[in-house]
Amino acid sequence: MLTVFNLLSPPPRAGAAGQLGAHGPVFLLEPPPVLSFSNNTGSQVSCSAHGSPPPDVSWLHADGSLVTAVPGFRQTLGNGTLYFPPFRAEDYREDVHSAVYRCRASNAGGVVLSREVRVRAVVHQPYEVQVYRAHVLLGNTAVLRCNIPAFVKDYVTITSWFRDDTIILPGRDDASKFEIFQL
């Protein structure tokens, strides 16, 4: 009976690469679309996948080339993590700290690529916010603009204004607008 069963059962299936029992990788942890971090803290982005046999995880540049270590700036760890250690402001490298990466998981059963992750290191440096004088006739509306340097604009939110030593809070309708009715 055992011989008959073996004759009637289908032969074992081979994976895409011809290995018995192989199945392509599937992501367990995929990188986020954006990773912003401070040069003072550094950061890391993780990627992991499972499959049979266990897949190899590597990182690619936007052009598809393999990411390699840049000592002191970028490391690929054995657990699938792309690590960016803290760095000095003067050591900023656009090709490392403002770049697009993808995670790649591969085994005998196939290859999968993650979504792109846009890495952006924010360099801490001193900056000043400026407000320029506005000339307006008495009784008319004056518009004062808060000028924030471009390199920090995406990371700064105006929460209040000061007049002499008094904090001016936002208006009720729009948190970015501040109103004064008397001078």
N, C-alpha and C. Protein backbone atom coordinates (compact mmCIF):
# COMPACT_ATOMS: atom_id res chain seq x y z
N MET A 1 0.81 -1.19 0.00
CA MET A 1 0.00 0.00 0.00
C MET A 1 0.85 1.25 0.00
N LEU A 2 1.95 1.21 0.70
CA LEU A 2 2.84 2.35 0.74
C LEU A 2 3.40 2.65 -0.64
N THR A 3 3.72 1.60 -1.39
CA THR A 3 4.23 1.78 -2.74
C THR A 3 3.19 2.42 -3.63
N VAL A 4 1.94 2.00 -3.51
CA VAL A 4 0.86 2.58 -4.31
C VAL A 4 0.69 4.05 -3.97
N PHE A 5 0.77 4.38 -2.67
CA PHE A 5 0.62 5.77 -2.24
C PHE A 5 1.70 6.64 -2.86
N ASN A 6 2.92 6.15 -2.85
CA ASN A 6 4.00 6.92 -3.44
C ASN A 6 3.82 7.10 -4.94
N LEU A 7 3.26 6.12 -5.59
CA LEU A 7 3.03 6.24 -7.02
C LEU A 7 1.91 7.22 -7.32
N LEU A 8 0.92 7.31 -6.43
CA LEU A 8 -0.21 8.19 -6.68
C LEU A 8 0.02 9.62 -6.19
N SER A 9 0.94 9.79 -5.24
CA SER A 9 1.16 11.16 -4.75
C SER A 9 2.05 11.91 -5.73
N PRO A 10 1.80 13.20 -5.86
CA PRO A 10 2.61 13.98 -6.80
C PRO A 10 4.05 14.08 -6.32
N PRO A 11 4.99 14.23 -7.23
CA PRO A 11 6.39 14.35 -6.83
C PRO A 11 6.58 15.65 -6.05
N PRO A 12 7.58 15.72 -5.16
CA PRO A 12 7.84 16.95 -4.42
C PRO A 12 8.10 18.10 -5.39
N ARG A 13 7.56 19.28 -5.01
CA ARG A 13 7.71 20.45 -5.88
C ARG A 13 9.05 21.12 -5.64
N ALA A 14 9.63 21.61 -6.69
CA ALA A 14 10.88 22.35 -6.59
C ALA A 14 10.55 23.83 -6.59
N GLY A 15 11.39 24.61 -5.94
CA GLY A 15 11.21 26.06 -5.93
C GLY A 15 11.60 26.65 -7.27
N ALA A 16 11.56 27.97 -7.34
CA ALA A 16 11.85 28.68 -8.58
C ALA A 16 13.24 28.36 -9.11
N ALA A 17 14.17 28.10 -8.20
CA ALA A 17 15.54 27.82 -8.63
C ALA A 17 15.81 26.32 -8.71
N GLY A 18 14.79 25.50 -8.55
CA GLY A 18 14.95 24.07 -8.67
C GLY A 18 15.27 23.36 -7.37
N GLN A 19 15.37 24.06 -6.26
CA GLN A 19 15.65 23.42 -4.98
C GLN A 19 14.36 22.94 -4.36
N LEU A 20 14.41 21.76 -3.76
CA LEU A 20 13.23 21.22 -3.09
C LEU A 20 12.89 22.07 -1.88
N GLY A 21 11.62 22.43 -1.73
CA GLY A 21 11.15 23.17 -0.56
C GLY A 21 11.51 24.64 -0.54
N ALA A 22 12.11 25.17 -1.57
CA ALA A 22 12.48 26.59 -1.57
C ALA A 22 11.24 27.45 -1.82
N HIS A 23 11.14 28.54 -1.06
CA HIS A 23 10.12 29.54 -1.38
C HIS A 23 10.73 30.91 -1.18
N GLY A 24 10.32 31.80 -2.05
CA GLY A 24 10.91 33.13 -2.09
C GLY A 24 10.73 33.92 -0.80
N PRO A 25 11.56 34.93 -0.62
CA PRO A 25 11.50 35.74 0.60
C PRO A 25 10.25 36.61 0.67
N VAL A 26 9.82 36.84 1.90
CA VAL A 26 8.70 37.75 2.20
C VAL A 26 9.18 38.66 3.32
N PHE A 27 8.93 39.97 3.18
CA PHE A 27 9.37 40.91 4.21
C PHE A 27 8.60 40.74 5.51
N LEU A 28 9.32 40.68 6.61
CA LEU A 28 8.73 40.74 7.95
C LEU A 28 8.73 42.19 8.43
N LEU A 29 9.79 42.91 8.08
CA LEU A 29 9.94 44.31 8.47
C LEU A 29 10.50 45.06 7.27
N GLU A 30 9.71 46.00 6.76
CA GLU A 30 10.12 46.78 5.60
C GLU A 30 10.44 48.20 6.06
N PRO A 31 11.42 48.85 5.44
CA PRO A 31 11.78 50.20 5.89
C PRO A 31 10.67 51.21 5.63
N PRO A 32 10.64 52.29 6.42
CA PRO A 32 9.65 53.34 6.21
C PRO A 32 10.00 54.14 4.95
N PRO A 33 9.06 54.91 4.41
CA PRO A 33 9.37 55.69 3.21
C PRO A 33 10.37 56.82 3.46
N VAL A 34 10.41 57.34 4.69
CA VAL A 34 11.31 58.45 5.01
C VAL A 34 11.98 58.19 6.35
N LEU A 35 13.27 58.48 6.42
CA LEU A 35 14.01 58.42 7.68
C LEU A 35 14.75 59.74 7.83
N SER A 36 14.32 60.58 8.77
CA SER A 36 15.01 61.83 9.08
C SER A 36 15.65 61.67 10.45
N PHE A 37 16.88 62.13 10.57
CA PHE A 37 17.57 62.01 11.85
C PHE A 37 18.58 63.13 12.02
N SER A 38 18.96 63.35 13.26
CA SER A 38 19.93 64.38 13.60
C SER A 38 21.35 63.84 13.46
N ASN A 39 22.24 64.70 13.02
CA ASN A 39 23.65 64.28 12.95
C ASN A 39 24.20 63.98 14.35
N ASN A 40 23.59 64.56 15.39
CA ASN A 40 24.06 64.33 16.76
C ASN A 40 23.69 62.95 17.30
N THR A 41 22.62 62.38 16.78
CA THR A 41 22.15 61.09 17.30
C THR A 41 22.43 59.92 16.37
N GLY A 42 22.49 60.18 15.07
CA GLY A 42 22.58 59.08 14.12
C GLY A 42 21.26 58.32 14.10
N SER A 43 21.17 57.27 13.30
CA SER A 43 19.95 56.48 13.25
C SER A 43 20.23 55.16 12.54
N GLN A 44 19.20 54.38 12.42
CA GLN A 44 19.30 53.12 11.70
C GLN A 44 17.95 52.80 11.08
N VAL A 45 17.99 52.03 10.02
CA VAL A 45 16.76 51.57 9.39
C VAL A 45 16.89 50.05 9.24
N SER A 46 15.84 49.36 9.69
CA SER A 46 15.89 47.90 9.73
C SER A 46 15.08 47.29 8.59
N CYS A 47 15.48 46.09 8.23
CA CYS A 47 14.77 45.33 7.21
C CYS A 47 15.00 43.86 7.52
N SER A 48 13.92 43.07 7.49
CA SER A 48 14.08 41.64 7.70
C SER A 48 13.06 40.89 6.85
N ALA A 49 13.42 39.67 6.51
CA ALA A 49 12.57 38.84 5.65
C ALA A 49 12.72 37.38 6.07
N HIS A 50 11.72 36.59 5.68
CA HIS A 50 11.83 35.15 5.91
C HIS A 50 11.59 34.44 4.60
N GLY A 51 12.03 33.22 4.53
CA GLY A 51 11.88 32.39 3.33
C GLY A 51 12.61 31.09 3.57
N SER A 52 12.60 30.23 2.57
CA SER A 52 13.29 28.96 2.68
C SER A 52 14.08 28.74 1.39
N PRO A 53 15.38 28.69 1.48
CA PRO A 53 16.22 28.88 2.66
C PRO A 53 16.15 30.33 3.16
N PRO A 54 16.63 30.58 4.40
CA PRO A 54 16.59 31.95 4.92
C PRO A 54 17.26 32.92 3.95
N PRO A 55 16.61 34.03 3.67
CA PRO A 55 17.16 34.96 2.67
C PRO A 55 18.33 35.78 3.19
N ASP A 56 19.16 36.20 2.26
CA ASP A 56 20.21 37.18 2.54
C ASP A 56 19.59 38.56 2.36
N VAL A 57 19.86 39.46 3.31
CA VAL A 57 19.33 40.83 3.24
C VAL A 57 20.49 41.76 2.96
N SER A 58 20.31 42.61 1.96
CA SER A 58 21.33 43.60 1.61
C SER A 58 20.63 44.91 1.29
N TRP A 59 21.40 45.95 1.07
CA TRP A 59 20.86 47.28 0.76
C TRP A 59 21.39 47.75 -0.58
N LEU A 60 20.52 48.44 -1.32
CA LEU A 60 20.87 48.95 -2.64
C LEU A 60 20.70 50.47 -2.68
N HIS A 61 21.50 51.12 -3.52
CA HIS A 61 21.32 52.54 -3.82
C HIS A 61 20.16 52.67 -4.81
N ALA A 62 19.71 53.88 -5.05
CA ALA A 62 18.60 54.13 -5.98
C ALA A 62 18.90 53.58 -7.37
N ASP A 63 20.17 53.57 -7.76
CA ASP A 63 20.54 53.07 -9.10
C ASP A 63 20.67 51.55 -9.15
N GLY A 64 20.43 50.87 -8.02
CA GLY A 64 20.49 49.42 -7.97
C GLY A 64 21.83 48.85 -7.55
N SER A 65 22.84 49.69 -7.39
CA SER A 65 24.16 49.20 -6.97
C SER A 65 24.15 48.87 -5.48
N LEU A 66 25.00 47.94 -5.09
CA LEU A 66 25.06 47.46 -3.72
C LEU A 66 25.64 48.53 -2.79
N VAL A 67 25.00 48.72 -1.64
CA VAL A 67 25.49 49.65 -0.63
C VAL A 67 26.66 48.99 0.10
N THR A 68 27.74 49.73 0.23
CA THR A 68 28.90 49.24 0.96
C THR A 68 29.14 50.15 2.16
N ALA A 69 29.94 49.68 3.08
CA ALA A 69 30.26 50.47 4.27
C ALA A 69 31.10 51.68 3.90
N VAL A 70 30.81 52.79 4.55
CA VAL A 70 31.64 53.99 4.48
C VAL A 70 32.05 54.24 5.93
N PRO A 71 33.26 53.85 6.30
CA PRO A 71 33.67 53.91 7.71
C PRO A 71 33.38 55.26 8.37
N GLY A 72 32.69 55.17 9.51
CA GLY A 72 32.33 56.37 10.26
C GLY A 72 31.05 57.04 9.81
N PHE A 73 30.47 56.58 8.68
CA PHE A 73 29.28 57.24 8.14
C PHE A 73 28.11 56.29 7.87
N ARG A 74 28.41 55.08 7.41
CA ARG A 74 27.34 54.15 7.06
C ARG A 74 27.87 52.73 7.17
N GLN A 75 27.06 51.85 7.80
CA GLN A 75 27.43 50.44 7.93
C GLN A 75 26.21 49.59 7.63
N THR A 76 26.44 48.45 7.00
CA THR A 76 25.38 47.46 6.86
C THR A 76 25.68 46.36 7.88
N LEU A 77 24.72 46.10 8.74
CA LEU A 77 24.91 45.12 9.80
C LEU A 77 24.36 43.76 9.36
N GLY A 78 24.85 42.71 9.98
CA GLY A 78 24.46 41.35 9.62
C GLY A 78 22.99 41.04 9.82
N ASN A 79 22.29 41.83 10.64
CA ASN A 79 20.87 41.57 10.90
C ASN A 79 19.94 42.30 9.94
N GLY A 80 20.49 42.89 8.87
CA GLY A 80 19.66 43.59 7.89
C GLY A 80 19.47 45.06 8.18
N THR A 81 20.20 45.59 9.14
CA THR A 81 20.07 47.00 9.52
C THR A 81 21.09 47.85 8.77
N LEU A 82 20.62 49.00 8.29
CA LEU A 82 21.50 50.00 7.70
C LEU A 82 21.71 51.06 8.77
N TYR A 83 22.94 51.22 9.23
CA TYR A 83 23.25 52.05 10.39
C TYR A 83 24.01 53.31 9.98
N PHE A 84 23.54 54.45 10.50
CA PHE A 84 24.18 55.75 10.28
C PHE A 84 24.62 56.28 11.64
N PRO A 85 25.91 56.20 11.97
CA PRO A 85 26.36 56.68 13.28
C PRO A 85 26.32 58.20 13.35
N PRO A 86 26.35 58.77 14.56
CA PRO A 86 26.43 60.23 14.70
C PRO A 86 27.67 60.75 13.97
N PHE A 87 27.58 61.99 13.48
CA PHE A 87 28.72 62.58 12.77
C PHE A 87 28.75 64.08 13.01
N ARG A 88 29.91 64.68 12.81
CA ARG A 88 30.07 66.12 12.97
C ARG A 88 29.46 66.85 11.78
N ALA A 89 28.97 68.05 12.01
CA ALA A 89 28.32 68.84 10.94
C ALA A 89 29.23 68.98 9.73
N GLU A 90 30.50 69.20 9.95
CA GLU A 90 31.43 69.40 8.83
C GLU A 90 31.72 68.11 8.07
N ASP A 91 31.29 66.96 8.60
CA ASP A 91 31.51 65.68 7.93
C ASP A 91 30.30 65.21 7.11
N TYR A 92 29.29 66.05 6.99
CA TYR A 92 28.08 65.70 6.22
C TYR A 92 28.47 65.29 4.80
N ARG A 93 27.89 64.18 4.34
CA ARG A 93 28.11 63.71 2.97
C ARG A 93 26.75 63.49 2.31
N GLU A 94 26.50 64.25 1.27
CA GLU A 94 25.21 64.15 0.59
C GLU A 94 24.96 62.75 0.04
N ASP A 95 25.98 62.10 -0.48
CA ASP A 95 25.80 60.76 -1.06
C ASP A 95 25.43 59.71 -0.02
N VAL A 96 25.67 60.00 1.25
CA VAL A 96 25.33 59.08 2.34
C VAL A 96 24.11 59.58 3.10
N HIS A 97 24.11 60.87 3.46
CA HIS A 97 23.13 61.42 4.39
C HIS A 97 21.89 62.03 3.74
N SER A 98 21.85 62.11 2.43
CA SER A 98 20.66 62.58 1.71
C SER A 98 20.53 61.71 0.47
N ALA A 99 20.09 60.49 0.69
CA ALA A 99 20.09 59.50 -0.39
C ALA A 99 18.87 58.60 -0.29
N VAL A 100 18.65 57.85 -1.36
CA VAL A 100 17.54 56.89 -1.43
C VAL A 100 18.13 55.48 -1.43
N TYR A 101 17.57 54.63 -0.58
CA TYR A 101 18.04 53.25 -0.45
C TYR A 101 16.85 52.30 -0.59
N ARG A 102 17.15 51.02 -0.90
CA ARG A 102 16.15 49.96 -0.92
C ARG A 102 16.74 48.72 -0.28
N CYS A 103 15.90 48.00 0.41
CA CYS A 103 16.30 46.72 1.00
C CYS A 103 16.04 45.62 -0.03
N ARG A 104 16.95 44.66 -0.09
CA ARG A 104 16.83 43.53 -1.02
C ARG A 104 16.97 42.25 -0.21
N ALA A 105 16.00 41.36 -0.36
CA ALA A 105 16.06 40.04 0.27
C ALA A 105 16.07 39.00 -0.84
N SER A 106 17.02 38.07 -0.78
CA SER A 106 17.13 37.07 -1.86
C SER A 106 17.49 35.70 -1.30
N ASN A 107 16.97 34.69 -1.96
CA ASN A 107 17.34 33.31 -1.68
C ASN A 107 17.12 32.51 -2.96
N ALA A 108 17.26 31.18 -2.87
CA ALA A 108 17.10 30.34 -4.05
C ALA A 108 15.69 30.42 -4.64
N GLY A 109 14.72 30.84 -3.82
CA GLY A 109 13.34 30.94 -4.29
C GLY A 109 13.00 32.25 -4.97
N GLY A 110 13.88 33.25 -4.89
CA GLY A 110 13.61 34.51 -5.57
C GLY A 110 14.21 35.72 -4.86
N VAL A 111 13.78 36.88 -5.32
CA VAL A 111 14.28 38.16 -4.82
C VAL A 111 13.10 39.10 -4.62
N VAL A 112 13.11 39.86 -3.51
CA VAL A 112 12.11 40.92 -3.33
C VAL A 112 12.86 42.21 -2.98
N LEU A 113 12.30 43.32 -3.45
CA LEU A 113 12.84 44.64 -3.15
C LEU A 113 11.82 45.42 -2.35
N SER A 114 12.29 46.13 -1.35
CA SER A 114 11.40 46.95 -0.53
C SER A 114 11.05 48.24 -1.26
N ARG A 115 10.13 48.98 -0.66
CA ARG A 115 9.88 50.35 -1.12
C ARG A 115 11.16 51.15 -0.91
N GLU A 116 11.27 52.27 -1.56
CA GLU A 116 12.42 53.16 -1.35
C GLU A 116 12.30 53.84 0.01
N VAL A 117 13.43 54.05 0.65
CA VAL A 117 13.48 54.84 1.88
C VAL A 117 14.39 56.04 1.61
N ARG A 118 13.83 57.23 1.79
CA ARG A 118 14.60 58.46 1.59
C ARG A 118 15.23 58.83 2.93
N VAL A 119 16.54 58.77 2.98
CA VAL A 119 17.29 59.09 4.20
C VAL A 119 17.72 60.55 4.14
N ARG A 120 17.47 61.24 5.25
CA ARG A 120 17.81 62.66 5.30
C ARG A 120 18.35 63.00 6.69
N ALA A 121 19.64 63.28 6.75
CA ALA A 121 20.26 63.70 8.00
C ALA A 121 20.09 65.20 8.15
N VAL A 122 19.68 65.63 9.32
CA VAL A 122 19.51 67.05 9.62
C VAL A 122 20.71 67.47 10.45
N VAL A 123 21.47 68.41 9.93
CA VAL A 123 22.68 68.86 10.60
C VAL A 123 22.32 69.98 11.57
N HIS A 124 22.63 69.76 12.84
CA HIS A 124 22.38 70.79 13.85
C HIS A 124 23.41 71.90 13.69
N GLN A 125 22.91 73.09 13.51
CA GLN A 125 23.77 74.26 13.42
C GLN A 125 22.97 75.47 13.86
N PRO A 126 23.64 76.49 14.34
CA PRO A 126 22.93 77.67 14.81
C PRO A 126 22.17 78.35 13.66
N TYR A 127 21.03 78.92 13.98
CA TYR A 127 20.28 79.69 12.99
C TYR A 127 19.50 80.78 13.70
N GLU A 128 19.15 81.79 12.95
CA GLU A 128 18.35 82.89 13.48
C GLU A 128 17.10 83.05 12.64
N VAL A 129 16.01 83.26 13.32
CA VAL A 129 14.75 83.57 12.66
C VAL A 129 14.66 85.08 12.59
N GLN A 130 14.25 85.60 11.43
CA GLN A 130 14.18 87.06 11.27
C GLN A 130 12.77 87.49 10.93
N VAL A 131 12.39 88.63 11.50
CA VAL A 131 11.13 89.28 11.15
C VAL A 131 11.50 90.69 10.71
N TYR A 132 11.08 91.05 9.52
CA TYR A 132 11.40 92.38 8.98
C TYR A 132 10.30 93.36 9.33
N ARG A 133 10.68 94.61 9.48
CA ARG A 133 9.71 95.67 9.80
C ARG A 133 8.71 95.81 8.66
N ALA A 134 7.49 96.09 9.03
CA ALA A 134 6.43 96.34 8.05
C ALA A 134 5.91 97.76 8.27
N HIS A 135 5.75 98.50 7.21
CA HIS A 135 5.20 99.85 7.29
C HIS A 135 3.74 99.78 6.89
N VAL A 136 2.88 100.33 7.75
CA VAL A 136 1.45 100.26 7.50
C VAL A 136 0.80 101.52 8.06
N LEU A 137 -0.26 101.95 7.42
CA LEU A 137 -1.01 103.11 7.90
C LEU A 137 -1.87 102.69 9.07
N LEU A 138 -2.04 103.60 10.02
CA LEU A 138 -2.84 103.34 11.20
C LEU A 138 -4.24 102.87 10.80
N GLY A 139 -4.69 101.80 11.40
CA GLY A 139 -6.01 101.26 11.11
C GLY A 139 -5.99 100.15 10.07
N ASN A 140 -4.91 100.00 9.35
CA ASN A 140 -4.81 98.94 8.34
C ASN A 140 -4.13 97.71 8.94
N THR A 141 -4.17 96.63 8.20
CA THR A 141 -3.58 95.37 8.65
C THR A 141 -2.11 95.32 8.28
N ALA A 142 -1.30 94.92 9.23
CA ALA A 142 0.13 94.71 8.97
C ALA A 142 0.38 93.20 8.92
N VAL A 143 1.17 92.79 7.96
CA VAL A 143 1.54 91.38 7.86
C VAL A 143 3.03 91.27 8.15
N LEU A 144 3.36 90.56 9.19
CA LEU A 144 4.75 90.31 9.55
C LEU A 144 5.07 88.86 9.19
N ARG A 145 6.15 88.68 8.51
CA ARG A 145 6.54 87.33 8.11
C ARG A 145 7.74 86.87 8.94
N CYS A 146 7.66 85.65 9.36
CA CYS A 146 8.75 85.03 10.11
C CYS A 146 9.60 84.28 9.09
N ASN A 147 10.80 84.75 8.86
CA ASN A 147 11.70 84.14 7.87
C ASN A 147 12.62 83.14 8.55
N ILE A 148 12.44 81.89 8.17
CA ILE A 148 13.21 80.79 8.75
C ILE A 148 14.19 80.31 7.68
N PRO A 149 15.46 80.12 8.02
CA PRO A 149 16.42 79.65 7.02
C PRO A 149 15.96 78.33 6.38
N ALA A 150 16.22 78.21 5.10
CA ALA A 150 15.74 77.06 4.32
C ALA A 150 16.21 75.71 4.89
N PHE A 151 17.41 75.64 5.43
CA PHE A 151 17.93 74.35 5.88
C PHE A 151 17.23 73.79 7.11
N VAL A 152 16.43 74.62 7.82
CA VAL A 152 15.68 74.11 8.97
C VAL A 152 14.17 74.29 8.81
N LYS A 153 13.75 74.89 7.73
CA LYS A 153 12.34 75.22 7.54
C LYS A 153 11.40 74.03 7.72
N ASP A 154 11.79 72.87 7.25
CA ASP A 154 10.94 71.68 7.35
C ASP A 154 10.84 71.14 8.78
N TYR A 155 11.70 71.61 9.67
CA TYR A 155 11.76 71.06 11.02
C TYR A 155 11.38 72.05 12.11
N VAL A 156 10.98 73.26 11.72
CA VAL A 156 10.64 74.31 12.68
C VAL A 156 9.18 74.67 12.52
N THR A 157 8.48 74.79 13.64
CA THR A 157 7.08 75.22 13.65
C THR A 157 6.97 76.48 14.48
N ILE A 158 6.29 77.48 13.94
CA ILE A 158 6.07 78.72 14.69
C ILE A 158 4.95 78.45 15.68
N THR A 159 5.24 78.62 16.95
CA THR A 159 4.24 78.35 17.99
C THR A 159 3.76 79.61 18.68
N SER A 160 4.55 80.66 18.64
CA SER A 160 4.14 81.92 19.27
C SER A 160 5.04 83.05 18.78
N TRP A 161 4.60 84.26 19.04
CA TRP A 161 5.37 85.46 18.75
C TRP A 161 5.57 86.20 20.06
N PHE A 162 6.61 87.02 20.10
CA PHE A 162 6.86 87.88 21.26
C PHE A 162 6.74 89.33 20.84
N ARG A 163 6.15 90.12 21.70
CA ARG A 163 6.12 91.57 21.52
C ARG A 163 6.65 92.14 22.83
N ASP A 164 7.80 92.78 22.77
CA ASP A 164 8.52 93.19 23.97
C ASP A 164 8.76 91.92 24.80
N ASP A 165 8.20 91.82 25.98
CA ASP A 165 8.36 90.61 26.79
C ASP A 165 7.07 89.81 26.89
N THR A 166 6.12 90.10 26.01
CA THR A 166 4.81 89.46 26.06
C THR A 166 4.68 88.41 24.96
N ILE A 167 4.19 87.25 25.33
CA ILE A 167 3.94 86.19 24.34
C ILE A 167 2.59 86.45 23.70
N ILE A 168 2.56 86.37 22.37
CA ILE A 168 1.32 86.52 21.62
C ILE A 168 0.93 85.13 21.15
N LEU A 169 -0.23 84.68 21.57
CA LEU A 169 -0.68 83.32 21.24
C LEU A 169 -1.42 83.30 19.92
N PRO A 170 -1.57 82.13 19.32
CA PRO A 170 -2.26 82.04 18.03
C PRO A 170 -3.73 82.40 18.12
N GLY A 171 -4.28 82.81 16.96
CA GLY A 171 -5.72 83.09 16.87
C GLY A 171 -6.51 81.80 16.99
N ARG A 172 -7.81 81.90 17.15
CA ARG A 172 -8.65 80.72 17.35
C ARG A 172 -8.82 79.88 16.09
N ASP A 173 -8.86 80.53 14.92
CA ASP A 173 -9.19 79.81 13.70
C ASP A 173 -8.00 79.11 13.04
N ASP A 174 -6.83 79.69 13.17
CA ASP A 174 -5.68 79.14 12.47
C ASP A 174 -4.47 79.24 13.38
N ALA A 175 -3.88 78.11 13.72
CA ALA A 175 -2.78 78.09 14.69
C ALA A 175 -1.53 78.81 14.18
N SER A 176 -1.44 79.07 12.87
CA SER A 176 -0.26 79.76 12.36
C SER A 176 -0.44 81.27 12.27
N LYS A 177 -1.64 81.77 12.56
CA LYS A 177 -1.90 83.21 12.49
C LYS A 177 -2.04 83.78 13.89
N PHE A 178 -1.44 84.94 14.10
CA PHE A 178 -1.47 85.60 15.40
C PHE A 178 -2.09 86.97 15.22
N GLU A 179 -2.93 87.37 16.17
CA GLU A 179 -3.67 88.62 16.03
C GLU A 179 -3.41 89.55 17.20
N ILE A 180 -3.21 90.83 16.88
CA ILE A 180 -3.13 91.89 17.88
C ILE A 180 -4.09 92.97 17.42
N PHE A 181 -4.97 93.40 18.31
CA PHE A 181 -5.95 94.40 17.91
C PHE A 181 -5.60 95.79 18.40
N GLN A 182 -4.63 95.92 19.28
CA GLN A 182 -4.20 97.23 19.77
C GLN A 182 -2.69 97.27 19.85
N LEU A 183 -2.15 98.47 19.67
CA LEU A 183 -0.71 98.64 19.83
C LEU A 183 -0.40 99.35 21.11
